[in-house]
C-alpha cells in the first residue's frame, strides 16, 4: 500500500493553491462513505492553514447538482459536475451505496463522466462499494482492489479482470486507490493526506478525530474467513467445524484436511481454493488467527496457553502470524481489544 512513486517531503513541494477534491454523489449513496473521508480532508486543511500552507478545496458534486438523498435519508446539497474544469481536479473520490447493483444501473452517465475525468485527475479513489463504480468505469482492469468484505465475491463475479483482495483495508495501485467497508474510507483518506502533507499533519488529523493513523489490526478486514464459511453453502461446512474443534493439534496439515474431506491432497487443494478463495494452508492459518483473537478478547489465558490451544505451537510463531496479518503483537492486540 506504500506509494510506488518516490516523493520528497510533501511540505517542501506544496502547490500554491489548495488541491481540488471532488466527491461524486448519487442517490442512495452511503452517508458515512461520503462524510468520513471528507472530514479527514477538512481537518487536514485546518492543520495546513495553521502552518500557513494550502490544504484542500472540498466539493460534493452530482451529475445535475442539487439535493441528493443518501441511503440513510439525509439529503446532501451538491454542485453540478459540468461546473468543474476536469483538468483542475486533483482527486476524485467515489462513495459506495448499500444497494450498489441498483446504483450501477441508475448511474451510467455518472460512470461515463468518471471514466473521462479520471484520465485527467491526479488520482481517483473509492470508499466501500464505490469500488464497483470504478470497476464499471474500467479503471481497475488488471489491478488489485478491495471493497466491503461482504461484497468481495460479487466484485469477483462481476469484474473477473480485477484482482480482488479479500483482506486489505485499502489498496493503492498507481493513481487509483480503493478502500474496504465504510469507515475504512477514513483510513484511506489519512493515507492520502500523509502522502500529500506529510506524516505530522496526518497524525494531527488522526488525533483530532480520535482515530488511529494506522489502524490496529492493520491490514485485515474483520472475519472474512468466517464469511467464507457462511458462503460455502455446505461444501466444506463439516470440515470447517472439524478444523475449529482440532485447532490445538500442531500436526494439522493440508494432508490431514484432505483425508478428513476424503479427497486426494491435490484435488482437495484445487477445489478448496476455487470454492473458498484461499488455499487450505492459508485458511488454516486464518482459523488459528481468529481463534486466538477471540481468546485474547474474551479470556484470561496467558499468551503461551492461547498459542498452544490455537495450534501455533509457541508464542513466537503466533506473534509472527499476528504481525504478518494484523501488524500488532498478540499483547498489543489484547491491550486494545480485551473486554
C-alpha atoms as a PDB file:
ATOM      1  CA  UNK A   1       0.000   0.000   0.000  1.00  0.00           C
ATOM      2  CA  UNK A   2       3.036   2.293   0.049  1.00  0.00           C
ATOM      3  CA  UNK A   3       3.325   4.715  -2.818  1.00  0.00           C
ATOM      4  CA  UNK A   4       5.197   3.391  -5.836  1.00  0.00           C
ATOM      5  CA  UNK A   5       6.420   6.900  -6.576  1.00  0.00           C
ATOM      6  CA  UNK A   6       9.479   8.433  -4.928  1.00  0.00           C
ATOM      7  CA  UNK A   7       8.394  11.731  -3.428  1.00  0.00           C
ATOM      8  CA  UNK A   8      10.320  14.363  -1.492  1.00  0.00           C
ATOM      9  CA  UNK A   9       8.957  15.745   1.751  1.00  0.00           C
ATOM     10  CA  UNK A  10       5.433  16.934   0.775  1.00  0.00           C
ATOM     11  CA  UNK A  11       5.835  20.113   2.844  1.00  0.00           C
ATOM     12  CA  UNK A  12       8.704  21.231   0.590  1.00  0.00           C
ATOM     13  CA  UNK A  13       6.786  20.891  -2.676  1.00  0.00           C
ATOM     14  CA  UNK A  14       3.248  22.040  -1.961  1.00  0.00           C
ATOM     15  CA  UNK A  15       1.120  23.689  -4.602  1.00  0.00           C
ATOM     16  CA  UNK A  16       0.409  27.389  -4.295  1.00  0.00           C
ATOM     17  CA  UNK A  17      -3.344  26.690  -4.310  1.00  0.00           C
ATOM     18  CA  UNK A  18      -5.429  24.162  -2.384  1.00  0.00           C
ATOM     19  CA  UNK A  19      -5.832  20.777  -4.021  1.00  0.00           C
ATOM     20  CA  UNK A  20      -9.316  20.365  -5.509  1.00  0.00           C
ATOM     21  CA  UNK A  21     -11.105  17.255  -4.255  1.00  0.00           C
ATOM     22  CA  UNK A  22     -14.420  16.237  -5.791  1.00  0.00           C
ATOM     23  CA  UNK A  23     -16.659  13.715  -4.065  1.00  0.00           C
ATOM     24  CA  UNK A  24     -19.110  12.159  -6.512  1.00  0.00           C
ATOM     25  CA  UNK A  25     -22.644  11.997  -5.126  1.00  0.00           C
ATOM     26  CA  UNK A  26     -25.608   9.990  -6.393  1.00  0.00           C
ATOM     27  CA  UNK A  27     -28.993   8.925  -4.954  1.00  0.00           C
ATOM     28  CA  UNK A  28     -28.914   6.371  -2.119  1.00  0.00           C
ATOM     29  CA  UNK A  29     -25.160   6.552  -1.594  1.00  0.00           C
ATOM     30  CA  UNK A  30     -23.865   5.781   1.896  1.00  0.00           C
ATOM     31  CA  UNK A  31     -23.673   8.914   4.043  1.00  0.00           C
ATOM     32  CA  UNK A  32     -20.642   7.858   6.095  1.00  0.00           C
ATOM     33  CA  UNK A  33     -18.843   6.688   2.946  1.00  0.00           C
ATOM     34  CA  UNK A  34     -19.001  10.334   1.899  1.00  0.00           C
ATOM     35  CA  UNK A  35     -18.592  12.257   5.136  1.00  0.00           C
ATOM     36  CA  UNK A  36     -15.961  10.071   6.838  1.00  0.00           C
ATOM     37  CA  UNK A  37     -13.312  10.790   4.211  1.00  0.00           C
ATOM     38  CA  UNK A  38     -14.494  14.394   3.798  1.00  0.00           C
ATOM     39  CA  UNK A  39     -13.942  15.080   7.486  1.00  0.00           C
ATOM     40  CA  UNK A  40     -10.349  13.835   7.261  1.00  0.00           C
ATOM     41  CA  UNK A  41      -9.548  16.263   4.435  1.00  0.00           C
ATOM     42  CA  UNK A  42     -11.393  19.102   6.214  1.00  0.00           C
ATOM     43  CA  UNK A  43      -9.294  18.543   9.348  1.00  0.00           C
ATOM     44  CA  UNK A  44      -6.139  18.340   7.217  1.00  0.00           C
ATOM     45  CA  UNK A  45      -6.979  21.714   5.657  1.00  0.00           C
ATOM     46  CA  UNK A  46      -7.270  23.234   9.125  1.00  0.00           C
ATOM     47  CA  UNK A  47      -3.910  21.775  10.096  1.00  0.00           C
ATOM     48  CA  UNK A  48      -2.285  23.107   6.935  1.00  0.00           C
ATOM     49  CA  UNK A  49      -3.814  26.553   7.442  1.00  0.00           C
ATOM     50  CA  UNK A  50      -2.178  26.703  10.875  1.00  0.00           C
ATOM     51  CA  UNK A  51       1.130  26.296   9.061  1.00  0.00           C
ATOM     52  CA  UNK A  52       0.272  28.985   6.535  1.00  0.00           C
ATOM     53  CA  UNK A  53       0.030  26.388   3.769  1.00  0.00           C
ATOM     54  CA  UNK A  54      -2.750  25.460   1.338  1.00  0.00           C
ATOM     55  CA  UNK A  55      -4.820  22.375   2.069  1.00  0.00           C
ATOM     56  CA  UNK A  56      -7.848  21.123   0.165  1.00  0.00           C
ATOM     57  CA  UNK A  57     -10.828  22.660  -1.590  1.00  0.00           C
ATOM     58  CA  UNK A  58     -13.624  20.155  -0.986  1.00  0.00           C
ATOM     59  CA  UNK A  59     -16.608  19.822  -3.308  1.00  0.00           C
ATOM     60  CA  UNK A  60     -19.524  17.413  -3.377  1.00  0.00           C
ATOM     61  CA  UNK A  61     -20.890  17.094  -6.889  1.00  0.00           C
ATOM     62  CA  UNK A  62     -23.533  15.113  -8.729  1.00  0.00           C
ATOM     63  CA  UNK A  63     -24.436  14.814 -12.377  1.00  0.00           C
ATOM     64  CA  UNK A  64     -27.026  17.627 -12.338  1.00  0.00           C
ATOM     65  CA  UNK A  65     -26.415  19.234  -8.939  1.00  0.00           C
ATOM     66  CA  UNK A  66     -28.982  19.936  -6.241  1.00  0.00           C
ATOM     67  CA  UNK A  67     -30.085  17.859  -3.284  1.00  0.00           C
ATOM     68  CA  UNK A  68     -29.112  14.185  -3.301  1.00  0.00           C
ATOM     69  CA  UNK A  69     -30.802  11.832  -0.832  1.00  0.00           C
ATOM     70  CA  UNK A  70     -28.477   9.366   0.890  1.00  0.00           C
ATOM     71  CA  UNK A  71     -29.423   5.818   1.871  1.00  0.00           C
ATOM     72  CA  UNK A  72     -29.787   6.984   5.472  1.00  0.00           C
ATOM     73  CA  UNK A  73     -32.355   9.634   4.496  1.00  0.00           C
ATOM     74  CA  UNK A  74     -30.284  12.787   4.883  1.00  0.00           C
ATOM     75  CA  UNK A  75     -30.022  14.898   1.727  1.00  0.00           C
ATOM     76  CA  UNK A  76     -26.739  16.482   0.639  1.00  0.00           C
ATOM     77  CA  UNK A  77     -26.510  19.649  -1.439  1.00  0.00           C
ATOM     78  CA  UNK A  78     -24.292  19.201  -4.493  1.00  0.00           C
ATOM     79  CA  UNK A  79     -22.785  21.135  -7.370  1.00  0.00           C
ATOM     80  CA  UNK A  80     -23.310  20.064 -10.973  1.00  0.00           C
ATOM     81  CA  UNK A  81     -20.320  18.255 -12.469  1.00  0.00           C
ATOM     82  CA  UNK A  82     -20.469  20.433 -15.585  1.00  0.00           C
ATOM     83  CA  UNK A  83     -19.316  23.386 -13.464  1.00  0.00           C
ATOM     84  CA  UNK A  84     -15.873  21.810 -13.000  1.00  0.00           C
ATOM     85  CA  UNK A  85     -12.868  22.078 -15.272  1.00  0.00           C
ATOM     86  CA  UNK A  86     -11.757  18.443 -15.152  1.00  0.00           C
ATOM     87  CA  UNK A  87      -8.126  19.399 -15.671  1.00  0.00           C
ATOM     88  CA  UNK A  88      -8.101  21.246 -12.320  1.00  0.00           C
ATOM     89  CA  UNK A  89      -9.335  18.277 -10.260  1.00  0.00           C
ATOM     90  CA  UNK A  90      -6.627  16.774  -8.088  1.00  0.00           C
ATOM     91  CA  UNK A  91      -8.565  13.850  -6.591  1.00  0.00           C
ATOM     92  CA  UNK A  92     -11.882  12.172  -7.345  1.00  0.00           C
ATOM     93  CA  UNK A  93     -13.479  10.167  -4.535  1.00  0.00           C
ATOM     94  CA  UNK A  94     -16.432   7.836  -5.108  1.00  0.00           C
ATOM     95  CA  UNK A  95     -18.527   6.707  -2.114  1.00  0.00           C
ATOM     96  CA  UNK A  96     -20.364   3.411  -2.114  1.00  0.00           C
ATOM     97  CA  UNK A  97     -24.030   2.520  -1.683  1.00  0.00           C
ATOM     98  CA  UNK A  98     -25.775  -0.294   0.213  1.00  0.00           C
ATOM     99  CA  UNK A  99     -27.580  -1.312  -2.987  1.00  0.00           C
ATOM    100  CA  UNK A 100     -24.650  -0.974  -5.342  1.00  0.00           C
ATOM    101  CA  UNK A 101     -26.241  -3.173  -8.025  1.00  0.00           C
ATOM    102  CA  UNK A 102     -29.030  -0.639  -8.464  1.00  0.00           C
ATOM    103  CA  UNK A 103     -26.579   2.239  -8.251  1.00  0.00           C
ATOM    104  CA  UNK A 104     -24.621   0.838 -11.207  1.00  0.00           C
ATOM    105  CA  UNK A 105     -27.810   0.585 -13.248  1.00  0.00           C
ATOM    106  CA  UNK A 106     -29.021   4.066 -12.325  1.00  0.00           C
ATOM    107  CA  UNK A 107     -25.781   5.998 -12.784  1.00  0.00           C
ATOM    108  CA  UNK A 108     -24.425   5.052 -16.189  1.00  0.00           C
ATOM    109  CA  UNK A 109     -23.945   8.701 -17.179  1.00  0.00           C
ATOM    110  CA  UNK A 110     -22.102   9.401 -13.926  1.00  0.00           C
ATOM    111  CA  UNK A 111     -19.789   6.458 -14.585  1.00  0.00           C
ATOM    112  CA  UNK A 112     -19.129   7.771 -18.096  1.00  0.00           C
ATOM    113  CA  UNK A 113     -18.136  11.132 -16.604  1.00  0.00           C
ATOM    114  CA  UNK A 114     -15.926   9.365 -14.061  1.00  0.00           C
ATOM    115  CA  UNK A 115     -14.175   7.413 -16.812  1.00  0.00           C
ATOM    116  CA  UNK A 116     -13.297  10.595 -18.717  1.00  0.00           C
ATOM    117  CA  UNK A 117     -12.466  12.757 -15.707  1.00  0.00           C
ATOM    118  CA  UNK A 118     -10.220  10.194 -14.038  1.00  0.00           C
ATOM    119  CA  UNK A 119      -7.901  10.324 -17.035  1.00  0.00           C
ATOM    120  CA  UNK A 120      -7.238  13.987 -16.228  1.00  0.00           C
ATOM    121  CA  UNK A 121      -7.277  13.910 -12.414  1.00  0.00           C
ATOM    122  CA  UNK A 122      -4.103  13.148 -10.485  1.00  0.00           C
ATOM    123  CA  UNK A 123      -5.764  10.237  -8.676  1.00  0.00           C
ATOM    124  CA  UNK A 124      -9.105   8.504  -8.189  1.00  0.00           C
ATOM    125  CA  UNK A 125     -10.307   6.725  -5.057  1.00  0.00           C
ATOM    126  CA  UNK A 126     -13.317   4.773  -3.860  1.00  0.00           C
ATOM    127  CA  UNK A 127     -14.862   4.073  -0.482  1.00  0.00           C
ATOM    128  CA  UNK A 128     -16.521   0.720   0.263  1.00  0.00           C
ATOM    129  CA  UNK A 129     -18.716  -0.428  -2.654  1.00  0.00           C
ATOM    130  CA  UNK A 130     -17.725   2.660  -4.636  1.00  0.00           C
ATOM    131  CA  UNK A 131     -15.107   0.254  -5.990  1.00  0.00           C
ATOM    132  CA  UNK A 132     -17.846  -1.176  -8.220  1.00  0.00           C
ATOM    133  CA  UNK A 133     -18.301   2.177  -9.963  1.00  0.00           C
ATOM    134  CA  UNK A 134     -14.547   2.394 -10.563  1.00  0.00           C
ATOM    135  CA  UNK A 135     -14.651  -1.123 -11.994  1.00  0.00           C
ATOM    136  CA  UNK A 136     -17.674  -0.260 -14.147  1.00  0.00           C
ATOM    137  CA  UNK A 137     -15.720   2.713 -15.495  1.00  0.00           C
ATOM    138  CA  UNK A 138     -12.887   0.360 -16.500  1.00  0.00           C
ATOM    139  CA  UNK A 139     -10.416   1.896 -14.058  1.00  0.00           C
ATOM    140  CA  UNK A 140      -9.494  -1.368 -12.319  1.00  0.00           C
ATOM    141  CA  UNK A 141      -8.666  -3.602 -15.288  1.00  0.00           C
ATOM    142  CA  UNK A 142      -5.838  -5.921 -14.225  1.00  0.00           C
ATOM    143  CA  UNK A 143      -5.387  -4.094 -10.916  1.00  0.00           C
ATOM    144  CA  UNK A 144      -5.630  -5.245  -7.324  1.00  0.00           C
ATOM    145  CA  UNK A 145      -8.586  -3.709  -5.475  1.00  0.00           C
ATOM    146  CA  UNK A 146     -10.716  -4.145  -2.389  1.00  0.00           C
ATOM    147  CA  UNK A 147     -14.255  -3.425  -1.221  1.00  0.00           C
ATOM    148  CA  UNK A 148     -16.502  -4.299   1.707  1.00  0.00           C
ATOM    149  CA  UNK A 149     -15.755  -7.901   2.752  1.00  0.00           C
ATOM    150  CA  UNK A 150     -19.388  -8.879   2.203  1.00  0.00           C
ATOM    151  CA  UNK A 151     -19.218  -7.781  -1.458  1.00  0.00           C
ATOM    152  CA  UNK A 152     -15.860  -9.252  -2.500  1.00  0.00           C
ATOM    153  CA  UNK A 153     -17.417 -12.288  -4.173  1.00  0.00           C
ATOM    154  CA  UNK A 154     -19.841 -10.046  -6.050  1.00  0.00           C
ATOM    155  CA  UNK A 155     -16.940  -7.900  -7.257  1.00  0.00           C
ATOM    156  CA  UNK A 156     -15.040 -11.001  -8.392  1.00  0.00           C
ATOM    157  CA  UNK A 157     -18.043 -12.339 -10.255  1.00  0.00           C
ATOM    158  CA  UNK A 158     -18.969  -9.072 -11.927  1.00  0.00           C
ATOM    159  CA  UNK A 159     -15.458  -7.974 -12.845  1.00  0.00           C
ATOM    160  CA  UNK A 160     -13.203 -11.039 -13.274  1.00  0.00           C
ATOM    161  CA  UNK A 161     -10.302  -8.942 -14.588  1.00  0.00           C
ATOM    162  CA  UNK A 162      -9.993  -7.234 -11.184  1.00  0.00           C
ATOM    163  CA  UNK A 163      -7.686  -8.903  -8.649  1.00  0.00           C
ATOM    164  CA  UNK A 164      -9.902  -8.691  -5.554  1.00  0.00           C
ATOM    165  CA  UNK A 165      -8.057  -8.593  -2.225  1.00  0.00           C
ATOM    166  CA  UNK A 166     -10.254 -10.078   0.497  1.00  0.00           C
ATOM    167  CA  UNK A 167      -8.268  -8.692   3.416  1.00  0.00           C
ATOM    168  CA  UNK A 168      -6.966  -5.218   2.689  1.00  0.00           C
ATOM    169  CA  UNK A 169      -8.208  -2.090   4.441  1.00  0.00           C
ATOM    170  CA  UNK A 170      -7.176  -0.003   1.434  1.00  0.00           C
ATOM    171  CA  UNK A 171      -5.024  -0.500  -1.653  1.00  0.00           C
ATOM    172  CA  UNK A 172      -3.062   1.841  -3.880  1.00  0.00           C
ATOM    173  CA  UNK A 173      -2.385   0.819  -7.466  1.00  0.00           C
ATOM    174  CA  UNK A 174      -0.624   3.701  -9.170  1.00  0.00           C
ATOM    175  CA  UNK A 175      -3.060   6.630  -9.141  1.00  0.00           C
ATOM    176  CA  UNK A 176      -6.076   4.502  -8.202  1.00  0.00           C
ATOM    177  CA  UNK A 177      -6.995   3.828  -4.572  1.00  0.00           C
ATOM    178  CA  UNK A 178      -9.746   1.564  -3.234  1.00  0.00           C
ATOM    179  CA  UNK A 179     -10.870   1.021   0.355  1.00  0.00           C
ATOM    180  CA  UNK A 180     -12.898  -1.621   2.137  1.00  0.00           C
ATOM    181  CA  UNK A 181     -16.076  -1.197   4.183  1.00  0.00           C
ATOM    182  CA  UNK A 182     -17.446   2.230   5.166  1.00  0.00           C
ATOM    183  CA  UNK A 183     -15.087   3.544   7.889  1.00  0.00           C
ATOM    184  CA  UNK A 184     -12.001   2.310   6.044  1.00  0.00           C
ATOM    185  CA  UNK A 185     -12.528   5.378   3.863  1.00  0.00           C
ATOM    186  CA  UNK A 186     -11.153   7.273   6.868  1.00  0.00           C
ATOM    187  CA  UNK A 187      -8.028   5.086   6.883  1.00  0.00           C
ATOM    188  CA  UNK A 188      -7.550   5.646   3.165  1.00  0.00           C
ATOM    189  CA  UNK A 189      -8.106   9.397   3.471  1.00  0.00           C
ATOM    190  CA  UNK A 190      -5.468   9.575   6.213  1.00  0.00           C
ATOM    191  CA  UNK A 191      -3.033   7.770   3.911  1.00  0.00           C
ATOM    192  CA  UNK A 192      -3.804  10.239   1.110  1.00  0.00           C
ATOM    193  CA  UNK A 193      -3.260  13.165   3.489  1.00  0.00           C
ATOM    194  CA  UNK A 194       0.037  11.655   4.637  1.00  0.00           C
ATOM    195  CA  UNK A 195       1.154  11.308   1.008  1.00  0.00           C
ATOM    196  CA  UNK A 196       0.217  14.941   0.296  1.00  0.00           C
ATOM    197  CA  UNK A 197       1.037  16.769   3.507  1.00  0.00           C
ATOM    198  CA  UNK A 198       3.408  14.575   5.479  1.00  0.00           C
ATOM    199  CA  UNK A 199       3.142  12.345   8.495  1.00  0.00           C
ATOM    200  CA  UNK A 200       2.962  15.169  11.060  1.00  0.00           C
ATOM    201  CA  UNK A 201      -0.207  16.591   9.508  1.00  0.00           C
ATOM    202  CA  UNK A 202      -1.801  13.157   9.133  1.00  0.00           C
ATOM    203  CA  UNK A 203      -1.007  12.357  12.755  1.00  0.00           C
ATOM    204  CA  UNK A 204      -2.518  15.654  13.906  1.00  0.00           C
ATOM    205  CA  UNK A 205      -5.691  14.843  11.969  1.00  0.00           C
ATOM    206  CA  UNK A 206      -5.858  11.353  13.446  1.00  0.00           C
ATOM    207  CA  UNK A 207      -5.507  12.775  16.949  1.00  0.00           C
ATOM    208  CA  UNK A 208      -8.201  15.379  16.356  1.00  0.00           C
ATOM    209  CA  UNK A 209     -10.632  12.784  15.023  1.00  0.00           C
ATOM    210  CA  UNK A 210      -9.650  10.285  17.743  1.00  0.00           C
ATOM    211  CA  UNK A 211      -8.765   7.552  15.262  1.00  0.00           C
ATOM    212  CA  UNK A 212      -5.576   5.563  14.652  1.00  0.00           C
ATOM    213  CA  UNK A 213      -3.226   6.839  11.955  1.00  0.00           C
ATOM    214  CA  UNK A 214      -2.539   3.162  11.239  1.00  0.00           C
ATOM    215  CA  UNK A 215      -5.475   1.047  12.344  1.00  0.00           C
ATOM    216  CA  UNK A 216      -4.665  -1.665  14.906  1.00  0.00           C
ATOM    217  CA  UNK A 217      -5.287  -4.916  13.159  1.00  0.00           C
ATOM    218  CA  UNK A 218      -3.738  -3.009  10.292  1.00  0.00           C
ATOM    219  CA  UNK A 219      -4.309  -4.741   7.007  1.00  0.00           C
ATOM    220  CA  UNK A 220      -7.059  -7.283   7.650  1.00  0.00           C
ATOM    221  CA  UNK A 221     -10.795  -6.876   7.299  1.00  0.00           C
ATOM    222  CA  UNK A 222     -12.754  -8.465  10.130  1.00  0.00           C
ATOM    223  CA  UNK A 223     -13.643 -12.139   9.917  1.00  0.00           C
ATOM    224  CA  UNK A 224     -13.519 -12.622   6.179  1.00  0.00           C
ATOM    225  CA  UNK A 225     -12.753 -16.304   6.729  1.00  0.00           C
ATOM    226  CA  UNK A 226     -15.890 -16.718   8.818  1.00  0.00           C
ATOM    227  CA  UNK A 227     -17.870 -15.210   5.943  1.00  0.00           C
ATOM    228  CA  UNK A 228     -16.312 -17.825   3.678  1.00  0.00           C
ATOM    229  CA  UNK A 229     -17.707 -20.486   5.998  1.00  0.00           C
ATOM    230  CA  UNK A 230     -21.147 -18.940   5.648  1.00  0.00           C
ATOM    231  CA  UNK A 231     -20.874 -18.698   1.880  1.00  0.00           C
ATOM    232  CA  UNK A 232     -19.546 -22.193   1.159  1.00  0.00           C
ATOM    233  CA  UNK A 233     -23.147 -23.495   1.105  1.00  0.00           C
ATOM    234  CA  UNK A 234     -22.233 -26.655   2.945  1.00  0.00           C
ATOM    235  CA  UNK A 235     -19.422 -27.740   0.625  1.00  0.00           C
ATOM    236  CA  UNK A 236     -16.827 -27.642   3.409  1.00  0.00           C
ATOM    237  CA  UNK A 237     -19.063 -26.860   6.363  1.00  0.00           C
ATOM    238  CA  UNK A 238     -18.333 -30.128   8.185  1.00  0.00           C
ATOM    239  CA  UNK A 239     -14.623 -29.739   7.501  1.00  0.00           C
ATOM    240  CA  UNK A 240     -14.624 -26.216   8.925  1.00  0.00           C
ATOM    241  CA  UNK A 241     -16.362 -27.434  12.070  1.00  0.00           C
ATOM    242  CA  UNK A 242     -13.781 -30.201  12.381  1.00  0.00           C
ATOM    243  CA  UNK A 243     -10.940 -27.713  11.940  1.00  0.00           C
ATOM    244  CA  UNK A 244     -12.387 -25.492  14.666  1.00  0.00           C
ATOM    245  CA  UNK A 245     -12.554 -28.457  17.041  1.00  0.00           C
ATOM    246  CA  UNK A 246      -8.985 -29.569  16.290  1.00  0.00           C
ATOM    247  CA  UNK A 247      -7.056 -26.315  16.061  1.00  0.00           C
ATOM    248  CA  UNK A 248      -4.896 -27.267  19.037  1.00  0.00           C
ATOM    249  CA  UNK A 249      -3.318 -30.113  17.076  1.00  0.00           C
ATOM    250  CA  UNK A 250       0.051 -28.722  15.872  1.00  0.00           C
ATOM    251  CA  UNK A 251       0.220 -31.557  13.324  1.00  0.00           C
ATOM    252  CA  UNK A 252      -2.864 -30.301  11.500  1.00  0.00           C
ATOM    253  CA  UNK A 253      -1.862 -30.017   7.847  1.00  0.00           C
ATOM    254  CA  UNK A 254      -3.260 -29.784   4.342  1.00  0.00           C
ATOM    255  CA  UNK A 255      -2.816 -33.554   4.039  1.00  0.00           C
ATOM    256  CA  UNK A 256      -4.856 -34.208   7.188  1.00  0.00           C
ATOM    257  CA  UNK A 257      -7.548 -31.811   5.976  1.00  0.00           C
ATOM    258  CA  UNK A 258      -7.673 -33.663   2.659  1.00  0.00           C
ATOM    259  CA  UNK A 259      -8.067 -37.002   4.479  1.00  0.00           C
ATOM    260  CA  UNK A 260     -10.882 -35.543   6.561  1.00  0.00           C
ATOM    261  CA  UNK A 261     -12.574 -34.297   3.375  1.00  0.00           C
ATOM    262  CA  UNK A 262     -11.997 -37.741   1.792  1.00  0.00           C
ATOM    263  CA  UNK A 263     -10.160 -36.249  -1.158  1.00  0.00           C
ATOM    264  CA  UNK A 264      -6.664 -36.511  -2.553  1.00  0.00           C
ATOM    265  CA  UNK A 265      -4.417 -33.653  -1.383  1.00  0.00           C
ATOM    266  CA  UNK A 266      -4.043 -32.268  -4.896  1.00  0.00           C
ATOM    267  CA  UNK A 267      -7.757 -32.325  -5.728  1.00  0.00           C
ATOM    268  CA  UNK A 268      -8.661 -31.024  -2.278  1.00  0.00           C
ATOM    269  CA  UNK A 269      -6.316 -28.044  -2.605  1.00  0.00           C
ATOM    270  CA  UNK A 270      -7.693 -27.211  -6.057  1.00  0.00           C
ATOM    271  CA  UNK A 271     -11.376 -27.479  -5.104  1.00  0.00           C
ATOM    272  CA  UNK A 272     -10.930 -25.692  -1.788  1.00  0.00           C
ATOM    273  CA  UNK A 273      -9.164 -22.728  -3.415  1.00  0.00           C
ATOM    274  CA  UNK A 274     -11.915 -22.475  -6.036  1.00  0.00           C
ATOM    275  CA  UNK A 275     -14.770 -22.662  -3.521  1.00  0.00           C
ATOM    276  CA  UNK A 276     -13.349 -20.643  -0.620  1.00  0.00           C
ATOM    277  CA  UNK A 277     -10.958 -18.281  -2.378  1.00  0.00           C
ATOM    278  CA  UNK A 278      -7.923 -19.251  -0.282  1.00  0.00           C
ATOM    279  CA  UNK A 279      -5.509 -22.141  -0.163  1.00  0.00           C
ATOM    280  CA  UNK A 280      -6.161 -24.682   2.626  1.00  0.00           C
ATOM    281  CA  UNK A 281      -2.881 -23.711   4.322  1.00  0.00           C
ATOM    282  CA  UNK A 282      -3.844 -20.020   4.323  1.00  0.00           C
ATOM    283  CA  UNK A 283      -7.319 -20.849   5.607  1.00  0.00           C
ATOM    284  CA  UNK A 284      -5.907 -22.973   8.429  1.00  0.00           C
ATOM    285  CA  UNK A 285      -3.620 -20.135   9.472  1.00  0.00           C
ATOM    286  CA  UNK A 286      -6.555 -17.713   9.499  1.00  0.00           C
ATOM    287  CA  UNK A 287      -8.717 -20.118  11.508  1.00  0.00           C
ATOM    288  CA  UNK A 288      -5.966 -20.157  14.111  1.00  0.00           C
ATOM    289  CA  UNK A 289      -5.558 -16.402  13.983  1.00  0.00           C
ATOM    290  CA  UNK A 290      -9.268 -15.751  14.501  1.00  0.00           C
ATOM    291  CA  UNK A 291      -9.457 -18.253  17.343  1.00  0.00           C
ATOM    292  CA  UNK A 292      -6.514 -16.534  19.015  1.00  0.00           C
ATOM    293  CA  UNK A 293      -8.121 -13.126  18.550  1.00  0.00           C
ATOM    294  CA  UNK A 294     -11.317 -14.297  20.249  1.00  0.00           C
ATOM    295  CA  UNK A 295      -9.364 -15.768  23.168  1.00  0.00           C
ATOM    296  CA  UNK A 296      -7.331 -12.594  23.567  1.00  0.00           C
ATOM    297  CA  UNK A 297     -10.533 -10.552  23.622  1.00  0.00           C
ATOM    298  CA  UNK A 298     -12.637 -12.796  25.876  1.00  0.00           C
ATOM    299  CA  UNK A 299     -10.419 -14.977  28.067  1.00  0.00           C
ATOM    300  CA  UNK A 300      -7.837 -14.520  30.809  1.00  0.00           C
ATOM    301  CA  UNK A 301      -5.499 -17.230  29.476  1.00  0.00           C
ATOM    302  CA  UNK A 302      -1.887 -16.198  29.057  1.00  0.00           C
ATOM    303  CA  UNK A 303      -0.343 -15.739  25.635  1.00  0.00           C
ATOM    304  CA  UNK A 304       1.562 -19.033  25.611  1.00  0.00           C
ATOM    305  CA  UNK A 305      -1.573 -21.011  26.562  1.00  0.00           C
ATOM    306  CA  UNK A 306      -3.504 -19.371  23.734  1.00  0.00           C
ATOM    307  CA  UNK A 307      -0.704 -20.173  21.288  1.00  0.00           C
ATOM    308  CA  UNK A 308      -0.869 -23.844  22.319  1.00  0.00           C
ATOM    309  CA  UNK A 309      -4.678 -24.045  22.229  1.00  0.00           C
ATOM    310  CA  UNK A 310      -4.844 -22.487  18.766  1.00  0.00           C
ATOM    311  CA  UNK A 311      -2.170 -24.757  17.303  1.00  0.00           C
ATOM    312  CA  UNK A 312       0.611 -22.217  16.822  1.00  0.00           C
ATOM    313  CA  UNK A 313       2.905 -24.330  18.968  1.00  0.00           C
ATOM    314  CA  UNK A 314       4.598 -21.426  20.716  1.00  0.00           C
ATOM    315  CA  UNK A 315       4.189 -17.722  21.378  1.00  0.00           C
ATOM    316  CA  UNK A 316       6.843 -16.692  18.851  1.00  0.00           C
ATOM    317  CA  UNK A 317       5.069 -18.360  15.944  1.00  0.00           C
ATOM    318  CA  UNK A 318       1.762 -16.777  16.971  1.00  0.00           C
ATOM    319  CA  UNK A 319       3.439 -13.382  17.291  1.00  0.00           C
ATOM    320  CA  UNK A 320       4.886 -13.703  13.776  1.00  0.00           C
ATOM    321  CA  UNK A 321       1.423 -14.537  12.418  1.00  0.00           C
ATOM    322  CA  UNK A 322      -0.160 -11.561  14.191  1.00  0.00           C
ATOM    323  CA  UNK A 323       2.466  -9.178  12.830  1.00  0.00           C
ATOM    324  CA  UNK A 324       2.126 -10.575   9.314  1.00  0.00           C
ATOM    325  CA  UNK A 325      -1.661 -10.209   9.200  1.00  0.00           C
ATOM    326  CA  UNK A 326      -2.521  -7.532  11.759  1.00  0.00           C
ATOM    327  CA  UNK A 327       0.675  -5.502  12.200  1.00  0.00           C
ATOM    328  CA  UNK A 328       0.446  -5.792  16.006  1.00  0.00           C
ATOM    329  CA  UNK A 329       1.655  -8.341  18.562  1.00  0.00           C
ATOM    330  CA  UNK A 330      -0.814 -10.538  20.492  1.00  0.00           C
ATOM    331  CA  UNK A 331      -0.112  -8.491  23.630  1.00  0.00           C
ATOM    332  CA  UNK A 332      -0.824  -5.225  21.840  1.00  0.00           C
ATOM    333  CA  UNK A 333      -3.992  -6.711  20.378  1.00  0.00           C
ATOM    334  CA  UNK A 334      -5.193  -7.774  23.843  1.00  0.00           C
ATOM    335  CA  UNK A 335      -4.443  -4.377  25.376  1.00  0.00           C
ATOM    336  CA  UNK A 336      -6.629  -2.665  22.748  1.00  0.00           C
ATOM    337  CA  UNK A 337      -9.498  -5.106  22.386  1.00  0.00           C
ATOM    338  CA  UNK A 338      -9.769  -7.152  25.562  1.00  0.00           C
ATOM    339  CA  UNK A 339     -13.071  -6.838  27.385  1.00  0.00           C
END
